[in-house]
């Protein structure tokens, strides 16, 4: 699950930062790790404990443990970008990956197949997903942390413009239809989905039957009957959705639509009197429409079933150490006269950035102008063009506006949006 480490002030400036907070945490865990004895029986346990404590302090979403020729390389994701923590000995008498497998209930004697598990961590107050994968120099491990940044619980806290927040709230008042929250991995889809879920519970004072089917349940929400798929038991999304329809639901939450069967069943459910919310991987709001059709969903079902598509990204916010530039080489092909660019200092761990800001586009399928292009299978560019004439603010325009305010840099916009940032 991706989270938004901070909202942005109305003038586009970044909030005050704690000088050297992440750098000091990184230095502290490095000192702690270098003091450990690789030949001791407790080495793996101590390394894992240090990494989990570090992840808790810096609020990372992912930690990668990559075996190399020279040792175990550890990286962590900071504001969506991987940073190297260091390369450490693998241990001669205890295995770090094996320790993680023990904690997550995986098979320690199986190292030639991928495995997935979870750690329920009372000490760190959240769930940790563990994934292992065989590589040339041994098993690679990836930890994904759920439950960071509890402050981002409401729609207003996400940092979207007031107008867009009102559009989302209005669409959640519908009694039937589907709302898709889209974007690539790490764009904060789950955070937005849970904010919508909490709004539905609190706004209706428990008067609506709200159920969810997730893989996995990332955050418990009071007032929602949350269920988790279990493929080993034959309880997949399709089976779960079919059974949920007999549970008298009024609102159905699907963690993620991944295939045609789930997409078709979700759209059908939205046409039979339920409000359905789900996340979906797509580069833009318009491409989500065309992708559904390419998956085999009939255009008339897409047109009738969808209420709206929200597509979002997270852009890193410039640290206070940034500088103003008038050099076109710093603008990455974006037509600008001046912009602030990243520099780097101890406060931002020499990255030039601290925290992130959200940009979102809202494609309202209730607008009559969007009906004909969808029914005639228009491509995403045509749907995007018509949506803009209907008032949709594209991601690229919002990103450039953040550059003009000095909130982020041209390089960050191109990193996140690619060539779309220049169009």
Protein backbone atom coordinates (compact mmCIF):
# COMPACT_ATOMS: atom_id res chain seq x y z
CA UNK A 1 0.00 0.00 0.00
CA UNK A 2 1.30 3.42 -0.90
CA UNK A 3 0.70 6.40 1.35
CA UNK A 4 0.99 10.15 1.06
CA UNK A 5 3.61 11.24 3.59
CA UNK A 6 2.32 14.81 3.60
CA UNK A 7 -0.27 17.14 2.21
CA UNK A 8 0.73 20.37 0.48
CA UNK A 9 -0.20 23.86 1.56
CA UNK A 10 -2.60 25.86 -0.60
CA UNK A 11 0.26 27.93 -2.03
CA UNK A 12 2.05 24.78 -3.17
CA UNK A 13 4.88 25.00 -0.67
CA UNK A 14 6.17 22.02 1.24
CA UNK A 15 5.61 21.74 4.97
CA UNK A 16 8.46 22.34 7.38
CA UNK A 17 10.85 19.41 7.55
CA UNK A 18 12.66 17.78 10.43
CA UNK A 19 16.35 18.40 9.68
CA UNK A 20 18.27 15.20 9.11
CA UNK A 21 15.53 12.95 10.49
CA UNK A 22 15.79 10.27 7.81
CA UNK A 23 19.54 10.64 7.50
CA UNK A 24 20.01 10.23 11.25
CA UNK A 25 17.77 7.14 11.25
CA UNK A 26 19.77 5.69 8.37
CA UNK A 27 23.08 6.41 10.11
CA UNK A 28 21.73 4.88 13.29
CA UNK A 29 20.67 1.60 11.72
CA UNK A 30 23.94 1.37 9.78
CA UNK A 31 25.89 1.73 13.01
CA UNK A 32 23.66 -0.87 14.65
CA UNK A 33 24.09 -3.33 11.78
CA UNK A 34 27.86 -2.96 11.47
CA UNK A 35 28.26 -3.87 15.16
CA UNK A 36 26.56 -7.24 14.69
CA UNK A 37 28.64 -10.43 14.52
CA UNK A 38 27.87 -12.44 11.33
CA UNK A 39 29.11 -15.68 12.93
CA UNK A 40 26.71 -15.50 15.88
CA UNK A 41 23.54 -17.59 16.11
CA UNK A 42 21.49 -14.45 16.76
CA UNK A 43 22.84 -12.52 13.75
CA UNK A 44 19.83 -13.05 11.45
CA UNK A 45 17.34 -12.20 14.20
CA UNK A 46 19.22 -9.03 15.09
CA UNK A 47 19.48 -7.92 11.44
CA UNK A 48 15.75 -8.45 10.84
CA UNK A 49 14.86 -6.58 14.04
CA UNK A 50 17.08 -3.65 13.05
CA UNK A 51 15.57 -3.47 9.55
CA UNK A 52 12.01 -3.60 10.89
CA UNK A 53 12.77 -0.86 13.43
CA UNK A 54 14.33 1.29 10.70
CA UNK A 55 11.34 0.77 8.39
CA UNK A 56 9.03 1.81 11.21
CA UNK A 57 10.93 5.03 11.91
CA UNK A 58 11.30 6.23 8.30
CA UNK A 59 7.83 5.05 7.21
CA UNK A 60 8.97 3.13 4.16
CA UNK A 61 6.49 1.09 2.12
CA UNK A 62 8.96 -1.55 0.87
CA UNK A 63 12.31 -3.08 1.80
CA UNK A 64 14.28 -5.17 -0.73
CA UNK A 65 16.87 -7.74 0.33
CA UNK A 66 18.88 -8.73 -2.74
CA UNK A 67 21.60 -11.43 -2.51
CA UNK A 68 24.74 -10.49 -4.44
CA UNK A 69 28.20 -11.91 -4.91
CA UNK A 70 29.50 -9.77 -2.05
CA UNK A 71 26.62 -10.04 0.45
CA UNK A 72 23.00 -9.04 1.01
CA UNK A 73 22.13 -5.66 -0.50
CA UNK A 74 19.34 -3.88 1.38
CA UNK A 75 17.27 -1.12 -0.22
CA UNK A 76 14.23 0.77 1.02
CA UNK A 77 11.63 2.84 -0.80
CA UNK A 78 11.65 6.51 0.22
CA UNK A 79 8.88 8.67 -1.26
CA UNK A 80 8.40 6.09 -3.97
CA UNK A 81 12.07 5.80 -4.98
CA UNK A 82 14.45 3.02 -3.93
CA UNK A 83 17.42 4.07 -1.78
CA UNK A 84 20.39 1.88 -0.88
CA UNK A 85 20.81 1.19 2.83
CA UNK A 86 23.93 -0.93 2.41
CA UNK A 87 25.44 -4.35 1.67
CA UNK A 88 25.74 -6.65 4.70
CA UNK A 89 27.16 -10.13 5.39
CA UNK A 90 24.66 -12.94 4.89
CA UNK A 91 25.68 -14.65 8.13
CA UNK A 92 27.59 -17.89 8.49
CA UNK A 93 25.38 -19.63 11.09
CA UNK A 94 21.99 -18.03 10.57
CA UNK A 95 20.13 -16.87 7.43
CA UNK A 96 18.37 -13.51 7.26
CA UNK A 97 15.92 -14.71 4.61
CA UNK A 98 15.23 -17.88 6.59
CA UNK A 99 14.47 -15.75 9.64
CA UNK A 100 11.91 -13.80 7.63
CA UNK A 101 10.43 -17.06 6.36
CA UNK A 102 10.05 -18.35 9.90
CA UNK A 103 8.30 -15.14 10.99
CA UNK A 104 5.92 -15.27 8.01
CA UNK A 105 5.13 -18.97 8.19
CA UNK A 106 6.91 -19.94 4.95
CA UNK A 107 8.75 -23.19 4.21
CA UNK A 108 12.38 -22.70 5.21
CA UNK A 109 13.51 -25.90 3.46
CA UNK A 110 12.13 -24.69 0.10
CA UNK A 111 14.45 -22.17 -1.56
CA UNK A 112 13.85 -22.99 -5.23
CA UNK A 113 10.28 -21.66 -5.53
CA UNK A 114 8.65 -18.26 -4.88
CA UNK A 115 6.73 -17.98 -1.60
CA UNK A 116 4.46 -15.38 -0.03
CA UNK A 117 3.47 -14.89 3.60
CA UNK A 118 2.81 -12.27 6.21
CA UNK A 119 4.06 -11.14 9.58
CA UNK A 120 1.52 -9.93 12.12
CA UNK A 121 3.77 -7.59 14.06
CA UNK A 122 2.36 -6.47 17.44
CA UNK A 123 5.69 -4.77 18.11
CA UNK A 124 5.40 -2.55 15.04
CA UNK A 125 1.61 -2.33 15.03
CA UNK A 126 0.96 -3.38 11.43
CA UNK A 127 0.98 -6.21 8.93
CA UNK A 128 4.08 -6.95 6.87
CA UNK A 129 3.84 -8.94 3.65
CA UNK A 130 6.87 -11.12 2.86
CA UNK A 131 7.70 -12.36 -0.63
CA UNK A 132 10.69 -14.56 -1.53
CA UNK A 133 12.05 -15.41 -4.97
CA UNK A 134 14.98 -17.63 -6.05
CA UNK A 135 17.89 -15.81 -7.76
CA UNK A 136 21.44 -16.58 -8.89
CA UNK A 137 23.04 -15.88 -5.50
CA UNK A 138 20.22 -17.08 -3.26
CA UNK A 139 16.71 -16.11 -2.25
CA UNK A 140 15.62 -12.51 -2.69
CA UNK A 141 13.19 -11.10 -0.13
CA UNK A 142 10.81 -8.16 -0.38
CA UNK A 143 8.90 -6.75 2.59
CA UNK A 144 5.82 -4.61 2.05
CA UNK A 145 4.54 -2.62 5.00
CA UNK A 146 0.87 -1.81 5.51
CA UNK A 147 -0.60 0.62 7.99
CA UNK A 148 1.84 3.57 7.85
CA UNK A 149 0.62 7.17 7.94
CA UNK A 150 -2.69 6.74 9.68
CA UNK A 151 -3.34 10.48 9.35
CA UNK A 152 -4.47 10.08 5.74
CA UNK A 153 -7.85 8.64 6.57
CA UNK A 154 -10.31 11.10 5.01
CA UNK A 155 -10.88 12.43 1.51
CA UNK A 156 -10.00 15.94 2.67
CA UNK A 157 -6.62 14.81 4.03
CA UNK A 158 -5.46 13.36 0.70
CA UNK A 159 -4.52 16.80 -0.61
CA UNK A 160 -6.72 16.94 -3.73
CA UNK A 161 -8.22 20.29 -4.79
CA UNK A 162 -11.53 21.10 -3.10
CA UNK A 163 -13.45 20.82 -6.38
CA UNK A 164 -12.16 17.31 -7.04
CA UNK A 165 -12.87 16.22 -3.46
CA UNK A 166 -16.46 17.39 -3.92
CA UNK A 167 -16.73 15.38 -7.14
CA UNK A 168 -15.56 12.24 -5.36
CA UNK A 169 -17.96 12.80 -2.45
CA UNK A 170 -20.82 13.34 -4.90
CA UNK A 171 -20.06 10.13 -6.79
CA UNK A 172 -19.99 8.20 -3.48
CA UNK A 173 -23.57 9.31 -2.86
CA UNK A 174 -24.74 7.22 -5.83
CA UNK A 175 -26.64 4.05 -4.96
CA UNK A 176 -25.43 1.99 -7.93
CA UNK A 177 -22.61 1.97 -10.45
CA UNK A 178 -18.85 1.48 -10.32
CA UNK A 179 -16.05 3.86 -9.38
CA UNK A 180 -12.53 2.87 -10.40
CA UNK A 181 -9.39 4.26 -8.78
CA UNK A 182 -6.53 3.84 -11.23
CA UNK A 183 -2.84 4.44 -11.62
CA UNK A 184 0.37 2.41 -11.67
CA UNK A 185 1.79 0.58 -8.66
CA UNK A 186 2.83 2.96 -5.91
CA UNK A 187 0.46 5.78 -6.90
CA UNK A 188 -1.57 5.67 -3.69
CA UNK A 189 -4.66 3.90 -5.02
CA UNK A 190 -5.22 1.92 -1.83
CA UNK A 191 -4.94 5.03 0.36
CA UNK A 192 -7.63 6.75 -1.71
CA UNK A 193 -9.81 3.62 -1.71
CA UNK A 194 -9.69 3.40 2.09
CA UNK A 195 -10.46 7.13 2.41
CA UNK A 196 -13.55 6.56 0.25
CA UNK A 197 -14.47 3.56 2.36
CA UNK A 198 -14.29 5.53 5.60
CA UNK A 199 -16.36 8.31 4.06
CA UNK A 200 -19.08 5.83 3.13
CA UNK A 201 -19.19 4.48 6.68
CA UNK A 202 -19.17 7.81 8.53
CA UNK A 203 -21.34 9.78 6.08
CA UNK A 204 -24.15 7.21 6.25
CA UNK A 205 -23.91 6.51 10.00
CA UNK A 206 -23.89 2.77 9.41
CA UNK A 207 -27.14 2.84 7.42
CA UNK A 208 -25.59 1.14 4.36
CA UNK A 209 -24.37 -2.43 4.20
CA UNK A 210 -20.69 -2.14 3.21
CA UNK A 211 -18.62 -5.23 2.38
CA UNK A 212 -15.16 -5.71 0.93
CA UNK A 213 -13.15 -8.42 -0.77
CA UNK A 214 -9.42 -7.72 -0.65
CA UNK A 215 -6.08 -9.35 -1.42
CA UNK A 216 -4.85 -8.63 1.19
CA UNK A 217 -6.77 -6.62 3.78
CA UNK A 218 -4.36 -3.73 4.23
CA UNK A 219 -6.15 -1.69 6.89
CA UNK A 220 -9.09 -2.73 9.13
CA UNK A 221 -12.02 -0.30 8.90
CA UNK A 222 -14.76 -0.26 11.52
CA UNK A 223 -18.23 -0.66 10.09
CA UNK A 224 -17.13 -2.72 7.08
CA UNK A 225 -17.42 -6.49 6.68
CA UNK A 226 -13.93 -7.10 5.26
CA UNK A 227 -12.95 -10.42 3.70
CA UNK A 228 -9.67 -11.65 2.25
CA UNK A 229 -9.19 -14.02 -0.66
CA UNK A 230 -7.51 -17.36 0.00
CA UNK A 231 -6.39 -18.98 -3.23
CA UNK A 232 -5.15 -22.11 -1.46
CA UNK A 233 -8.68 -22.70 -0.19
CA UNK A 234 -10.25 -21.93 -3.56
CA UNK A 235 -11.63 -18.60 -2.34
CA UNK A 236 -10.73 -16.26 -5.21
CA UNK A 237 -12.15 -12.89 -6.23
CA UNK A 238 -14.70 -14.34 -8.61
CA UNK A 239 -16.01 -16.85 -6.06
CA UNK A 240 -16.05 -14.22 -3.33
CA UNK A 241 -17.94 -11.68 -5.42
CA UNK A 242 -20.58 -14.22 -6.37
CA UNK A 243 -21.11 -15.12 -2.71
CA UNK A 244 -21.10 -11.49 -1.57
CA UNK A 245 -24.11 -10.82 -3.77
CA UNK A 246 -26.11 -13.07 -1.41
CA UNK A 247 -25.02 -11.04 1.64
CA UNK A 248 -27.44 -8.16 0.95
CA UNK A 249 -24.68 -5.62 0.16
CA UNK A 250 -25.31 -2.01 -0.78
CA UNK A 251 -21.64 -1.09 -1.26
CA UNK A 252 -19.00 -3.55 -2.47
CA UNK A 253 -15.27 -2.84 -2.31
CA UNK A 254 -12.92 -4.90 -4.50
CA UNK A 255 -9.25 -4.52 -3.61
CA UNK A 256 -8.11 -4.79 -7.23
CA UNK A 257 -9.58 -5.81 -10.57
CA UNK A 258 -6.93 -7.95 -12.26
CA UNK A 259 -8.68 -10.02 -14.94
CA UNK A 260 -11.64 -10.12 -17.29
CA UNK A 261 -13.82 -12.34 -15.09
CA UNK A 262 -13.48 -10.04 -12.09
CA UNK A 263 -14.02 -6.93 -14.24
CA UNK A 264 -17.14 -8.35 -15.86
CA UNK A 265 -18.64 -9.52 -12.58
CA UNK A 266 -17.87 -6.16 -10.94
CA UNK A 267 -19.57 -4.22 -13.73
CA UNK A 268 -22.56 -6.56 -13.66
CA UNK A 269 -22.84 -6.10 -9.88
CA UNK A 270 -22.81 -2.33 -10.30
CA UNK A 271 -25.78 -2.64 -12.67
CA UNK A 272 -27.92 -4.59 -10.20
CA UNK A 273 -28.28 -1.94 -7.50
CA UNK A 274 -24.91 -1.90 -5.71
CA UNK A 275 -22.28 0.82 -5.53
CA UNK A 276 -18.91 -0.79 -6.31
CA UNK A 277 -15.43 0.64 -5.75
CA UNK A 278 -12.22 -0.98 -6.96
CA UNK A 279 -8.64 -0.22 -7.89
CA UNK A 280 -7.44 -0.91 -11.41
CA UNK A 281 -4.07 -0.54 -13.13
CA UNK A 282 -4.21 2.04 -15.94
CA UNK A 283 -2.02 4.95 -17.04
CA UNK A 284 -4.86 7.45 -17.32
CA UNK A 285 -8.57 7.75 -16.70
CA UNK A 286 -9.28 7.46 -20.42
CA UNK A 287 -7.04 4.41 -20.88
CA UNK A 288 -8.92 2.65 -18.08
CA UNK A 289 -12.01 2.77 -20.31
CA UNK A 290 -10.25 1.36 -23.35
CA UNK A 291 -8.46 -1.27 -21.27
CA UNK A 292 -11.77 -2.60 -19.93
CA UNK A 293 -13.09 -2.85 -23.48
CA UNK A 294 -9.88 -4.56 -24.64
CA UNK A 295 -10.33 -7.06 -21.80
CA UNK A 296 -13.62 -8.08 -23.39
CA UNK A 297 -16.13 -5.96 -21.44
CA UNK A 298 -18.84 -4.80 -23.82
CA UNK A 299 -18.85 -1.01 -24.38
CA UNK A 300 -22.52 -0.71 -23.40
CA UNK A 301 -21.71 -2.32 -20.03
CA UNK A 302 -18.82 0.08 -19.49
CA UNK A 303 -21.04 3.03 -20.43
CA UNK A 304 -23.94 1.92 -18.24
CA UNK A 305 -21.99 0.56 -15.29
CA UNK A 306 -19.26 3.11 -14.64
CA UNK A 307 -19.91 6.28 -12.67
CA UNK A 308 -16.38 7.66 -12.68
CA UNK A 309 -12.70 6.89 -13.05
CA UNK A 310 -10.16 8.53 -10.77
CA UNK A 311 -6.55 8.36 -11.97
CA UNK A 312 -3.75 9.59 -9.75
CA UNK A 313 0.00 9.93 -9.26
CA UNK A 314 2.32 10.92 -6.44
CA UNK A 315 5.04 13.51 -7.10
CA UNK A 316 7.95 14.07 -4.76
CA UNK A 317 8.03 17.54 -3.18
CA UNK A 318 11.23 19.56 -3.39
CA UNK A 319 13.22 19.94 -0.21
CA UNK A 320 13.93 23.44 1.12
CA UNK A 321 17.45 23.09 -0.29
CA UNK A 322 16.15 23.39 -3.90
CA UNK A 323 17.34 26.22 -6.13
CA UNK A 324 15.79 28.23 -8.94
CA UNK A 325 17.06 27.58 -12.47
CA UNK A 326 16.59 29.33 -15.82
CA UNK A 327 18.65 26.75 -17.71
CA UNK A 328 16.52 24.97 -20.33
CA UNK A 329 18.60 21.82 -19.77
CA UNK A 330 16.98 21.52 -16.33
CA UNK A 331 13.45 21.63 -17.78
CA UNK A 332 13.56 18.15 -19.39
CA UNK A 333 11.80 19.32 -22.56
CA UNK A 334 8.93 21.02 -20.72
CA UNK A 335 8.33 24.57 -22.03
CA UNK A 336 9.22 26.74 -19.03
CA UNK A 337 11.06 29.98 -18.38
CA UNK A 338 12.19 29.07 -14.89
CA UNK A 339 11.74 26.28 -12.37
CA UNK A 340 13.10 25.05 -9.08
CA UNK A 341 15.35 21.99 -9.24
CA UNK A 342 16.60 19.47 -6.70
CA UNK A 343 19.92 19.95 -4.92
CA UNK A 344 20.22 17.63 -1.91
CA UNK A 345 21.14 18.05 1.75
CA UNK A 346 21.23 15.97 4.97
CA UNK A 347 17.57 16.79 5.70
CA UNK A 348 16.44 14.98 2.54
CA UNK A 349 19.13 12.28 2.61
CA UNK A 350 20.80 14.03 -0.37
CA UNK A 351 17.83 13.21 -2.66
CA UNK A 352 16.62 16.78 -3.08
CA UNK A 353 13.06 15.76 -2.17
CA UNK A 354 10.98 15.25 0.94
CA UNK A 355 7.41 13.92 1.09
CA UNK A 356 4.96 13.69 -1.80
CA UNK A 357 1.98 15.50 -3.32
CA UNK A 358 -1.00 13.95 -5.09
CA UNK A 359 -2.37 14.85 -8.51
CA UNK A 360 -5.63 13.29 -9.72
CA UNK A 361 -7.87 13.45 -12.76
CA UNK A 362 -11.59 12.71 -12.44
CA UNK A 363 -13.38 11.29 -15.49
CA UNK A 364 -17.14 11.63 -14.91
CA UNK A 365 -18.95 8.98 -16.95
CA UNK A 366 -22.32 10.55 -16.10
CA UNK A 367 -21.65 13.21 -18.74
CA UNK A 368 -23.66 12.52 -21.89
CA UNK A 369 -20.83 13.62 -24.22
CA UNK A 370 -18.76 10.58 -23.26
CA UNK A 371 -21.40 8.05 -24.28
CA UNK A 372 -20.89 7.96 -28.09
CA UNK A 373 -17.07 7.60 -28.08
CA UNK A 374 -17.27 4.74 -25.58
CA UNK A 375 -20.03 2.93 -27.46
CA UNK A 376 -18.10 3.34 -30.73
CA UNK A 377 -14.86 2.03 -29.13
CA UNK A 378 -12.92 5.25 -29.54
CA UNK A 379 -9.28 5.16 -28.51
CA UNK A 380 -8.06 6.65 -25.26
CA UNK A 381 -6.78 9.83 -26.92
CA UNK A 382 -10.23 10.66 -28.26
CA UNK A 383 -11.90 9.90 -24.92
CA UNK A 384 -9.26 12.02 -23.18
CA UNK A 385 -9.88 14.92 -25.60
CA UNK A 386 -13.64 14.87 -25.03
CA UNK A 387 -13.18 14.55 -21.26
CA UNK A 388 -11.04 17.70 -21.30
CA UNK A 389 -13.76 19.62 -23.13
CA UNK A 390 -16.13 18.45 -20.38
CA UNK A 391 -13.91 19.96 -17.71
CA UNK A 392 -11.50 17.20 -16.70
CA UNK A 393 -8.13 18.55 -15.53
CA UNK A 394 -5.39 16.23 -16.92
CA UNK A 395 -2.55 14.93 -14.78
CA UNK A 396 0.04 16.67 -16.97
CA UNK A 397 -1.49 20.10 -16.51
CA UNK A 398 -1.69 19.64 -12.74
CA UNK A 399 1.93 18.48 -12.60
CA UNK A 400 3.18 21.50 -14.57
CA UNK A 401 1.23 23.77 -12.25
CA UNK A 402 3.09 22.24 -9.28
CA UNK A 403 6.36 22.94 -11.10
CA UNK A 404 5.37 26.59 -11.64
CA UNK A 405 4.55 26.87 -7.92
CA UNK A 406 7.96 25.49 -7.03
CA UNK A 407 6.46 22.44 -5.33
CA UNK A 408 8.23 19.89 -7.53
CA UNK A 409 10.78 19.82 -10.34
CA UNK A 410 10.56 19.16 -14.10
CA UNK A 411 12.75 16.08 -13.66
CA UNK A 412 10.32 14.62 -11.12
CA UNK A 413 7.34 15.26 -13.40
CA UNK A 414 9.04 13.47 -16.30
CA UNK A 415 10.07 10.60 -13.99
CA UNK A 416 6.47 10.05 -12.94
CA UNK A 417 4.54 10.89 -16.12
CA UNK A 418 7.11 10.23 -18.85
CA UNK A 419 6.50 11.81 -22.25
CA UNK A 420 2.93 12.72 -21.22
CA UNK A 421 4.45 15.52 -19.15
CA UNK A 422 5.62 17.29 -22.32
CA UNK A 423 2.32 17.02 -24.23
